[in-house]
Amino acid sequence: MRRLTALGVLVLSAFFGGCSAQAATYTEVRAETLDTLQTVSNFVPEPKQILVTPEFDPYPCKDVLTAQPAAGAFFTGQWALFVGDDFDIPQFVREVPHLLGDDWRVEELGIPVEFAEVYLVRSAPRMTLKIEESTIDGRKALDLLAISRCGSITADERLATWPPPTPEPAP
């Protein structure tokens, strides 16, 4: 599975539109992001299996790398969604924007790839979602990557969310 790199965060942050001061807390933006990942996974019929990538340390919105002025942190959620051999991933990737509804718009990243992918942006509440065809350990899968808007985070919340529990590996 591809891992989010510092360069990846920079690129996604640029497309993301940056963090801005919001009334939402980190706990709230994390929940919104996880709900979106769950919604997408609910569109996929059985058989399927979800493998949750261990969570990243809450990434600060005020960071030299992203050149963002706001305090707080944004949540990054990444799931591998293993699908059945007969599941048509390219068709699913084409349908996801319609399934999610009018709140989401497709943004072209301008980078040609040889696999099915879609990059979606929701304006309110702000979130980005990338869905791409993948093969993980020889298994057919969707790679889901969602990044929340900036949420305020206290030192206690940071301690409560980091380090997160490590999920069970997929069988």
N, C-alpha and C. Protein backbone atom coordinates (compact mmCIF):
# COMPACT_ATOMS: atom_id res chain seq x y z
N MET A 1 0.84 -1.16 0.00
CA MET A 1 0.00 0.00 0.00
C MET A 1 0.89 1.23 0.00
N ARG A 2 0.49 2.22 -0.75
CA ARG A 2 1.28 3.46 -0.78
C ARG A 2 1.10 4.19 0.53
N ARG A 3 2.16 4.80 1.00
CA ARG A 3 2.12 5.58 2.24
C ARG A 3 2.16 7.06 1.89
N LEU A 4 1.53 7.86 2.70
CA LEU A 4 1.54 9.30 2.51
C LEU A 4 2.90 9.83 2.90
N THR A 5 3.55 10.52 1.99
CA THR A 5 4.87 11.10 2.25
C THR A 5 4.72 12.58 2.51
N ALA A 6 5.80 13.21 2.94
CA ALA A 6 5.78 14.66 3.16
C ALA A 6 5.42 15.38 1.87
N LEU A 7 5.96 14.92 0.74
CA LEU A 7 5.64 15.54 -0.54
C LEU A 7 4.16 15.33 -0.85
N GLY A 8 3.65 14.13 -0.55
CA GLY A 8 2.24 13.86 -0.78
C GLY A 8 1.35 14.78 0.04
N VAL A 9 1.73 15.02 1.29
CA VAL A 9 0.97 15.94 2.13
C VAL A 9 1.00 17.34 1.53
N LEU A 10 2.15 17.77 1.04
CA LEU A 10 2.27 19.08 0.44
C LEU A 10 1.37 19.20 -0.77
N VAL A 11 1.41 18.21 -1.66
CA VAL A 11 0.59 18.25 -2.87
C VAL A 11 -0.89 18.23 -2.51
N LEU A 12 -1.28 17.31 -1.63
CA LEU A 12 -2.68 17.24 -1.24
C LEU A 12 -3.13 18.50 -0.51
N SER A 13 -2.25 19.08 0.28
CA SER A 13 -2.60 20.30 0.98
C SER A 13 -2.82 21.45 0.01
N ALA A 14 -2.03 21.49 -1.05
CA ALA A 14 -2.20 22.53 -2.06
C ALA A 14 -3.57 22.39 -2.73
N PHE A 15 -3.93 21.15 -3.11
CA PHE A 15 -5.23 20.92 -3.72
C PHE A 15 -6.35 21.05 -2.71
N PHE A 16 -6.03 20.71 -1.48
CA PHE A 16 -7.00 20.72 -0.39
C PHE A 16 -7.48 22.14 -0.12
N GLY A 17 -6.66 23.12 -0.41
CA GLY A 17 -7.04 24.49 -0.16
C GLY A 17 -6.53 24.99 1.17
N GLY A 18 -5.79 24.17 1.86
CA GLY A 18 -5.18 24.60 3.11
C GLY A 18 -6.13 24.51 4.28
N CYS A 19 -5.56 24.66 5.43
CA CYS A 19 -6.33 24.67 6.66
C CYS A 19 -6.71 26.11 6.96
N SER A 20 -7.86 26.29 7.48
CA SER A 20 -8.25 27.62 7.92
C SER A 20 -8.91 27.45 9.28
N ALA A 21 -8.93 28.55 10.03
CA ALA A 21 -9.51 28.48 11.37
C ALA A 21 -10.97 28.06 11.26
N GLN A 22 -11.34 27.04 11.96
CA GLN A 22 -12.69 26.51 11.95
C GLN A 22 -13.14 26.34 13.39
N ALA A 23 -14.44 26.30 13.57
CA ALA A 23 -14.98 26.07 14.91
C ALA A 23 -14.89 24.59 15.28
N ALA A 24 -14.67 23.73 14.29
CA ALA A 24 -14.67 22.29 14.53
C ALA A 24 -13.43 21.88 15.32
N THR A 25 -13.60 20.82 16.10
CA THR A 25 -12.47 20.25 16.83
C THR A 25 -11.85 19.14 15.99
N TYR A 26 -10.66 18.74 16.38
CA TYR A 26 -9.99 17.63 15.71
C TYR A 26 -10.83 16.36 15.82
N THR A 27 -11.44 16.15 16.96
CA THR A 27 -12.30 14.98 17.16
C THR A 27 -13.45 14.99 16.16
N GLU A 28 -14.02 16.15 15.92
CA GLU A 28 -15.14 16.26 14.96
C GLU A 28 -14.67 16.02 13.53
N VAL A 29 -13.54 16.62 13.13
CA VAL A 29 -13.09 16.44 11.74
C VAL A 29 -12.62 15.01 11.51
N ARG A 30 -12.07 14.38 12.54
CA ARG A 30 -11.69 12.97 12.43
C ARG A 30 -12.94 12.12 12.19
N ALA A 31 -13.99 12.37 12.96
CA ALA A 31 -15.24 11.61 12.82
C ALA A 31 -15.86 11.83 11.44
N GLU A 32 -15.85 13.07 10.94
CA GLU A 32 -16.38 13.35 9.60
C GLU A 32 -15.62 12.54 8.54
N THR A 33 -14.31 12.50 8.68
CA THR A 33 -13.47 11.81 7.71
C THR A 33 -13.71 10.31 7.77
N LEU A 34 -13.76 9.75 8.96
CA LEU A 34 -14.02 8.32 9.09
C LEU A 34 -15.41 7.97 8.58
N ASP A 35 -16.38 8.84 8.79
CA ASP A 35 -17.74 8.61 8.26
C ASP A 35 -17.72 8.56 6.74
N THR A 36 -16.94 9.44 6.12
CA THR A 36 -16.85 9.45 4.66
C THR A 36 -16.21 8.16 4.15
N LEU A 37 -15.14 7.73 4.78
CA LEU A 37 -14.51 6.47 4.38
C LEU A 37 -15.48 5.31 4.55
N GLN A 38 -16.26 5.32 5.62
CA GLN A 38 -17.24 4.26 5.84
C GLN A 38 -18.34 4.31 4.78
N THR A 39 -18.78 5.51 4.42
CA THR A 39 -19.81 5.66 3.39
C THR A 39 -19.35 5.05 2.07
N VAL A 40 -18.13 5.37 1.67
CA VAL A 40 -17.60 4.80 0.43
C VAL A 40 -17.53 3.28 0.53
N SER A 41 -17.04 2.78 1.64
CA SER A 41 -16.94 1.32 1.78
C SER A 41 -18.31 0.66 1.78
N ASN A 42 -19.33 1.37 2.27
CA ASN A 42 -20.69 0.81 2.26
C ASN A 42 -21.24 0.66 0.85
N PHE A 43 -20.73 1.42 -0.11
CA PHE A 43 -21.17 1.30 -1.50
C PHE A 43 -20.67 0.00 -2.15
N VAL A 44 -19.65 -0.60 -1.58
CA VAL A 44 -19.03 -1.79 -2.16
C VAL A 44 -19.75 -3.03 -1.64
N PRO A 45 -20.20 -3.89 -2.55
CA PRO A 45 -20.90 -5.10 -2.10
C PRO A 45 -19.93 -6.13 -1.52
N GLU A 46 -20.49 -7.05 -0.76
CA GLU A 46 -19.70 -8.18 -0.25
C GLU A 46 -19.31 -9.07 -1.43
N PRO A 47 -18.25 -9.78 -1.39
CA PRO A 47 -17.29 -9.86 -0.29
C PRO A 47 -16.34 -8.67 -0.32
N LYS A 48 -16.02 -8.19 0.84
CA LYS A 48 -15.07 -7.09 0.99
C LYS A 48 -14.44 -7.18 2.36
N GLN A 49 -13.31 -6.54 2.50
CA GLN A 49 -12.63 -6.49 3.79
C GLN A 49 -11.92 -5.15 3.89
N ILE A 50 -12.03 -4.50 5.03
CA ILE A 50 -11.39 -3.20 5.25
C ILE A 50 -10.15 -3.39 6.11
N LEU A 51 -9.07 -2.81 5.66
CA LEU A 51 -7.84 -2.75 6.45
C LEU A 51 -7.55 -1.27 6.70
N VAL A 52 -7.60 -0.88 7.95
CA VAL A 52 -7.37 0.52 8.32
C VAL A 52 -5.87 0.71 8.52
N THR A 53 -5.30 1.66 7.78
CA THR A 53 -3.90 2.00 7.96
C THR A 53 -3.74 2.67 9.32
N PRO A 54 -2.71 2.33 10.08
CA PRO A 54 -2.52 3.02 11.36
C PRO A 54 -2.52 4.54 11.14
N GLU A 55 -3.18 5.22 12.04
CA GLU A 55 -3.33 6.67 11.89
C GLU A 55 -2.00 7.39 12.02
N PHE A 56 -1.92 8.48 11.28
CA PHE A 56 -0.75 9.35 11.35
C PHE A 56 -0.89 10.26 12.56
N ASP A 57 0.23 10.72 13.07
CA ASP A 57 0.21 11.75 14.09
C ASP A 57 -0.59 12.92 13.53
N PRO A 58 -1.51 13.53 14.29
CA PRO A 58 -2.27 14.65 13.76
C PRO A 58 -1.33 15.68 13.12
N TYR A 59 -1.52 15.94 11.83
CA TYR A 59 -0.62 16.81 11.09
C TYR A 59 -1.01 18.26 11.32
N PRO A 60 -0.08 19.07 11.80
CA PRO A 60 -0.43 20.46 12.14
C PRO A 60 -0.78 21.28 10.90
N CYS A 61 -1.80 22.11 11.03
CA CYS A 61 -2.17 23.00 9.94
C CYS A 61 -1.15 24.13 9.81
N LYS A 62 -0.55 24.51 10.91
CA LYS A 62 0.48 25.55 10.88
C LYS A 62 1.82 24.83 10.78
N ASP A 63 2.35 24.77 9.57
CA ASP A 63 3.54 23.98 9.32
C ASP A 63 4.32 24.62 8.17
N VAL A 64 5.61 24.61 8.28
CA VAL A 64 6.46 25.17 7.22
C VAL A 64 6.23 24.43 5.91
N LEU A 65 6.05 23.11 5.96
CA LEU A 65 5.87 22.31 4.77
C LEU A 65 4.62 22.71 3.99
N THR A 66 3.51 22.91 4.69
CA THR A 66 2.26 23.25 4.00
C THR A 66 2.05 24.75 3.89
N ALA A 67 2.88 25.55 4.53
CA ALA A 67 2.79 27.01 4.48
C ALA A 67 1.40 27.51 4.89
N GLN A 68 0.82 26.87 5.88
CA GLN A 68 -0.51 27.25 6.34
C GLN A 68 -0.41 28.08 7.61
N PRO A 69 -1.24 29.13 7.74
CA PRO A 69 -1.15 30.02 8.90
C PRO A 69 -1.96 29.56 10.11
N ALA A 70 -2.89 28.61 9.96
CA ALA A 70 -3.81 28.28 11.05
C ALA A 70 -3.20 27.33 12.07
N ALA A 71 -3.69 27.46 13.30
CA ALA A 71 -3.33 26.50 14.34
C ALA A 71 -4.30 25.33 14.24
N GLY A 72 -3.95 24.23 14.82
CA GLY A 72 -4.83 23.06 14.78
C GLY A 72 -4.17 21.94 14.00
N ALA A 73 -4.99 20.93 13.67
CA ALA A 73 -4.47 19.77 12.95
C ALA A 73 -5.55 19.24 12.03
N PHE A 74 -5.11 18.56 10.98
CA PHE A 74 -6.09 17.88 10.15
C PHE A 74 -5.86 16.39 10.23
N PHE A 75 -6.94 15.64 10.02
CA PHE A 75 -6.91 14.18 10.13
C PHE A 75 -6.73 13.57 8.75
N THR A 76 -5.88 12.57 8.67
CA THR A 76 -5.66 11.80 7.45
C THR A 76 -6.10 10.37 7.72
N GLY A 77 -7.06 9.90 6.95
CA GLY A 77 -7.52 8.52 7.07
C GLY A 77 -7.22 7.77 5.80
N GLN A 78 -6.63 6.59 5.93
CA GLN A 78 -6.31 5.77 4.77
C GLN A 78 -6.76 4.34 5.03
N TRP A 79 -7.60 3.83 4.14
CA TRP A 79 -8.10 2.47 4.25
C TRP A 79 -7.80 1.71 2.98
N ALA A 80 -7.49 0.45 3.12
CA ALA A 80 -7.45 -0.48 1.98
C ALA A 80 -8.77 -1.24 2.03
N LEU A 81 -9.44 -1.27 0.91
CA LEU A 81 -10.72 -1.95 0.83
C LEU A 81 -10.56 -3.09 -0.17
N PHE A 82 -10.36 -4.30 0.37
CA PHE A 82 -10.20 -5.48 -0.49
C PHE A 82 -11.56 -5.87 -1.03
N VAL A 83 -11.60 -6.19 -2.33
CA VAL A 83 -12.86 -6.49 -3.01
C VAL A 83 -12.78 -7.87 -3.66
N GLY A 84 -13.94 -8.36 -4.05
CA GLY A 84 -14.01 -9.65 -4.72
C GLY A 84 -13.37 -9.59 -6.10
N ASP A 85 -12.93 -10.73 -6.59
CA ASP A 85 -12.26 -10.80 -7.89
C ASP A 85 -13.13 -10.31 -9.03
N ASP A 86 -14.45 -10.44 -8.91
CA ASP A 86 -15.34 -10.01 -10.00
C ASP A 86 -15.79 -8.56 -9.86
N PHE A 87 -15.33 -7.85 -8.84
CA PHE A 87 -15.72 -6.44 -8.65
C PHE A 87 -15.03 -5.57 -9.69
N ASP A 88 -15.81 -4.72 -10.37
CA ASP A 88 -15.31 -3.85 -11.44
C ASP A 88 -14.85 -2.52 -10.83
N ILE A 89 -13.58 -2.45 -10.47
CA ILE A 89 -13.04 -1.25 -9.82
C ILE A 89 -13.13 -0.02 -10.72
N PRO A 90 -12.71 -0.07 -12.00
CA PRO A 90 -12.83 1.14 -12.83
C PRO A 90 -14.26 1.68 -12.91
N GLN A 91 -15.23 0.79 -13.02
CA GLN A 91 -16.64 1.22 -13.05
C GLN A 91 -17.02 1.87 -11.72
N PHE A 92 -16.62 1.28 -10.62
CA PHE A 92 -16.92 1.83 -9.30
C PHE A 92 -16.31 3.22 -9.15
N VAL A 93 -15.05 3.38 -9.56
CA VAL A 93 -14.37 4.68 -9.45
C VAL A 93 -15.11 5.74 -10.26
N ARG A 94 -15.64 5.36 -11.42
CA ARG A 94 -16.42 6.31 -12.24
C ARG A 94 -17.73 6.68 -11.55
N GLU A 95 -18.33 5.74 -10.81
CA GLU A 95 -19.65 5.96 -10.19
C GLU A 95 -19.59 6.69 -8.85
N VAL A 96 -18.48 6.61 -8.15
CA VAL A 96 -18.40 7.18 -6.80
C VAL A 96 -18.83 8.64 -6.72
N PRO A 97 -18.39 9.52 -7.63
CA PRO A 97 -18.84 10.92 -7.51
C PRO A 97 -20.36 11.06 -7.50
N HIS A 98 -21.05 10.27 -8.30
CA HIS A 98 -22.51 10.33 -8.35
C HIS A 98 -23.12 9.73 -7.08
N LEU A 99 -22.51 8.66 -6.59
CA LEU A 99 -23.00 8.03 -5.36
C LEU A 99 -22.88 8.97 -4.16
N LEU A 100 -21.79 9.74 -4.10
CA LEU A 100 -21.58 10.66 -2.97
C LEU A 100 -22.47 11.89 -3.05
N GLY A 101 -22.86 12.28 -4.25
CA GLY A 101 -23.80 13.39 -4.40
C GLY A 101 -23.16 14.70 -4.81
N ASP A 102 -24.02 15.71 -4.92
CA ASP A 102 -23.63 17.01 -5.45
C ASP A 102 -22.69 17.81 -4.57
N ASP A 103 -22.52 17.41 -3.32
CA ASP A 103 -21.60 18.13 -2.43
C ASP A 103 -20.14 17.91 -2.83
N TRP A 104 -19.90 16.87 -3.62
CA TRP A 104 -18.54 16.51 -4.02
C TRP A 104 -18.32 16.86 -5.48
N ARG A 105 -17.09 17.32 -5.79
CA ARG A 105 -16.74 17.59 -7.18
C ARG A 105 -15.42 16.88 -7.50
N VAL A 106 -15.30 16.46 -8.73
CA VAL A 106 -14.07 15.82 -9.20
C VAL A 106 -13.07 16.90 -9.56
N GLU A 107 -11.84 16.74 -9.10
CA GLU A 107 -10.75 17.63 -9.51
C GLU A 107 -9.72 16.78 -10.23
N GLU A 108 -9.28 17.27 -11.36
CA GLU A 108 -8.26 16.57 -12.13
C GLU A 108 -6.89 16.93 -11.56
N LEU A 109 -6.08 15.92 -11.29
CA LEU A 109 -4.75 16.16 -10.76
C LEU A 109 -3.74 16.43 -11.87
N GLY A 110 -4.11 16.10 -13.11
CA GLY A 110 -3.23 16.39 -14.24
C GLY A 110 -2.04 15.45 -14.35
N ILE A 111 -2.11 14.33 -13.68
CA ILE A 111 -1.03 13.35 -13.73
C ILE A 111 -1.61 12.06 -14.31
N PRO A 112 -1.22 11.70 -15.54
CA PRO A 112 -1.79 10.48 -16.12
C PRO A 112 -1.28 9.23 -15.40
N VAL A 113 -2.20 8.32 -15.13
CA VAL A 113 -1.86 7.06 -14.46
C VAL A 113 -2.48 5.91 -15.24
N GLU A 114 -1.97 4.72 -14.99
CA GLU A 114 -2.42 3.52 -15.69
C GLU A 114 -3.47 2.73 -14.89
N PHE A 115 -4.02 3.32 -13.86
CA PHE A 115 -5.01 2.64 -13.03
C PHE A 115 -6.17 3.59 -12.79
N ALA A 116 -7.31 3.04 -12.38
CA ALA A 116 -8.49 3.85 -12.12
C ALA A 116 -8.29 4.66 -10.85
N GLU A 117 -8.61 5.95 -10.92
CA GLU A 117 -8.53 6.80 -9.74
C GLU A 117 -9.48 7.98 -9.90
N VAL A 118 -9.87 8.54 -8.77
CA VAL A 118 -10.66 9.77 -8.77
C VAL A 118 -10.24 10.57 -7.54
N TYR A 119 -10.14 11.88 -7.73
CA TYR A 119 -9.80 12.80 -6.65
C TYR A 119 -11.00 13.72 -6.47
N LEU A 120 -11.59 13.69 -5.28
CA LEU A 120 -12.82 14.43 -5.00
C LEU A 120 -12.58 15.47 -3.92
N VAL A 121 -13.31 16.58 -4.03
CA VAL A 121 -13.23 17.65 -3.05
C VAL A 121 -14.66 18.01 -2.64
N ARG A 122 -14.84 18.14 -1.34
CA ARG A 122 -16.11 18.64 -0.81
C ARG A 122 -15.81 19.99 -0.19
N SER A 123 -16.63 20.98 -0.52
CA SER A 123 -16.40 22.35 -0.03
C SER A 123 -16.83 22.54 1.41
N ALA A 124 -17.99 21.97 1.79
CA ALA A 124 -18.48 22.21 3.14
C ALA A 124 -19.11 20.96 3.72
N PRO A 125 -18.60 20.46 4.84
CA PRO A 125 -17.31 20.86 5.40
C PRO A 125 -16.18 20.33 4.52
N ARG A 126 -15.13 21.10 4.44
CA ARG A 126 -14.01 20.84 3.53
C ARG A 126 -13.38 19.46 3.79
N MET A 127 -13.18 18.72 2.69
CA MET A 127 -12.51 17.42 2.77
C MET A 127 -12.06 17.03 1.38
N THR A 128 -10.96 16.30 1.29
CA THR A 128 -10.54 15.70 0.03
C THR A 128 -10.59 14.19 0.18
N LEU A 129 -10.83 13.53 -0.93
CA LEU A 129 -10.96 12.07 -0.94
C LEU A 129 -10.37 11.56 -2.24
N LYS A 130 -9.40 10.68 -2.13
CA LYS A 130 -8.80 10.06 -3.30
C LYS A 130 -9.10 8.57 -3.23
N ILE A 131 -9.61 8.04 -4.33
CA ILE A 131 -9.93 6.62 -4.43
C ILE A 131 -9.19 6.09 -5.64
N GLU A 132 -8.41 5.02 -5.43
CA GLU A 132 -7.67 4.48 -6.56
C GLU A 132 -7.61 2.96 -6.51
N GLU A 133 -7.52 2.42 -7.70
CA GLU A 133 -7.35 0.98 -7.87
C GLU A 133 -5.97 0.58 -7.38
N SER A 134 -5.91 -0.56 -6.70
CA SER A 134 -4.64 -0.99 -6.14
C SER A 134 -4.59 -2.51 -6.08
N THR A 135 -3.39 -3.01 -5.98
CA THR A 135 -3.16 -4.42 -5.66
C THR A 135 -2.26 -4.42 -4.44
N ILE A 136 -2.74 -5.02 -3.38
CA ILE A 136 -2.01 -5.02 -2.11
C ILE A 136 -1.76 -6.47 -1.72
N ASP A 137 -0.49 -6.81 -1.60
CA ASP A 137 -0.12 -8.19 -1.28
C ASP A 137 -0.81 -9.18 -2.21
N GLY A 138 -0.89 -8.81 -3.49
CA GLY A 138 -1.48 -9.68 -4.50
C GLY A 138 -3.00 -9.71 -4.51
N ARG A 139 -3.62 -8.89 -3.68
CA ARG A 139 -5.08 -8.86 -3.59
C ARG A 139 -5.64 -7.60 -4.24
N LYS A 140 -6.76 -7.75 -4.92
CA LYS A 140 -7.46 -6.65 -5.59
C LYS A 140 -8.06 -5.74 -4.52
N ALA A 141 -7.80 -4.43 -4.66
CA ALA A 141 -8.25 -3.51 -3.61
C ALA A 141 -8.49 -2.10 -4.14
N LEU A 142 -9.19 -1.34 -3.34
CA LEU A 142 -9.31 0.11 -3.50
C LEU A 142 -8.48 0.73 -2.39
N ASP A 143 -7.74 1.78 -2.73
CA ASP A 143 -7.00 2.54 -1.73
C ASP A 143 -7.77 3.83 -1.52
N LEU A 144 -8.23 4.07 -0.31
CA LEU A 144 -9.01 5.27 0.02
C LEU A 144 -8.15 6.17 0.91
N LEU A 145 -8.04 7.43 0.53
CA LEU A 145 -7.28 8.41 1.30
C LEU A 145 -8.12 9.66 1.46
N ALA A 146 -8.46 10.00 2.70
CA ALA A 146 -9.28 11.19 2.97
C ALA A 146 -8.53 12.10 3.92
N ILE A 147 -8.62 13.40 3.64
CA ILE A 147 -7.98 14.41 4.49
C ILE A 147 -9.03 15.44 4.87
N SER A 148 -9.13 15.66 6.18
CA SER A 148 -10.14 16.57 6.71
C SER A 148 -9.74 18.03 6.56
N ARG A 149 -10.66 18.88 6.94
CA ARG A 149 -10.34 20.30 7.15
C ARG A 149 -9.57 20.41 8.45
N CYS A 150 -9.10 21.57 8.74
CA CYS A 150 -8.36 21.79 9.98
C CYS A 150 -9.33 21.82 11.16
N GLY A 151 -8.93 21.19 12.24
CA GLY A 151 -9.72 21.22 13.46
C GLY A 151 -8.83 21.64 14.62
N SER A 152 -9.42 22.34 15.55
CA SER A 152 -8.63 22.75 16.72
C SER A 152 -8.30 21.52 17.55
N ILE A 153 -7.12 21.52 18.11
CA ILE A 153 -6.70 20.37 18.90
C ILE A 153 -5.94 20.86 20.13
N THR A 154 -6.29 20.30 21.27
CA THR A 154 -5.60 20.65 22.51
C THR A 154 -4.50 19.62 22.75
N ALA A 155 -3.64 19.93 23.68
CA ALA A 155 -2.57 18.99 24.04
C ALA A 155 -3.16 17.68 24.56
N ASP A 156 -4.24 17.78 25.34
CA ASP A 156 -4.90 16.57 25.85
C ASP A 156 -5.49 15.73 24.72
N GLU A 157 -6.11 16.40 23.73
CA GLU A 157 -6.66 15.66 22.58
C GLU A 157 -5.54 14.99 21.78
N ARG A 158 -4.44 15.68 21.63
CA ARG A 158 -3.32 15.10 20.89
C ARG A 158 -2.82 13.85 21.61
N LEU A 159 -2.70 13.92 22.93
CA LEU A 159 -2.27 12.76 23.71
C LEU A 159 -3.28 11.62 23.62
N ALA A 160 -4.58 11.98 23.54
CA ALA A 160 -5.62 10.95 23.47
C ALA A 160 -5.67 10.28 22.10
N THR A 161 -5.18 10.94 21.07
CA THR A 161 -5.26 10.37 19.72
C THR A 161 -3.93 9.84 19.22
N TRP A 162 -2.85 10.11 19.93
CA TRP A 162 -1.55 9.68 19.44
C TRP A 162 -0.73 9.06 20.55
N PRO A 163 -0.12 7.92 20.41
CA PRO A 163 -0.27 7.10 19.21
C PRO A 163 -1.60 6.37 19.21
N PRO A 164 -2.20 6.19 18.03
CA PRO A 164 -3.48 5.48 17.95
C PRO A 164 -3.27 3.98 18.10
N PRO A 165 -4.34 3.25 18.37
CA PRO A 165 -4.20 1.80 18.43
C PRO A 165 -3.85 1.25 17.05
N THR A 166 -3.10 0.20 17.01
CA THR A 166 -2.74 -0.43 15.74
C THR A 166 -3.84 -1.41 15.36
N PRO A 167 -4.41 -1.26 14.15
CA PRO A 167 -5.48 -2.17 13.75
C PRO A 167 -4.94 -3.57 13.46
N GLU A 168 -5.84 -4.53 13.50
CA GLU A 168 -5.48 -5.91 13.18
C GLU A 168 -5.14 -6.00 11.70
N PRO A 169 -4.12 -6.77 11.34
CA PRO A 169 -3.80 -6.93 9.92
C PRO A 169 -4.86 -7.77 9.21
N ALA A 170 -4.98 -7.56 7.91
CA ALA A 170 -5.91 -8.35 7.12
C ALA A 170 -5.39 -9.77 7.00
N PRO A 171 -6.27 -10.76 7.06
CA PRO A 171 -5.84 -12.15 6.94
C PRO A 171 -5.38 -12.45 5.51
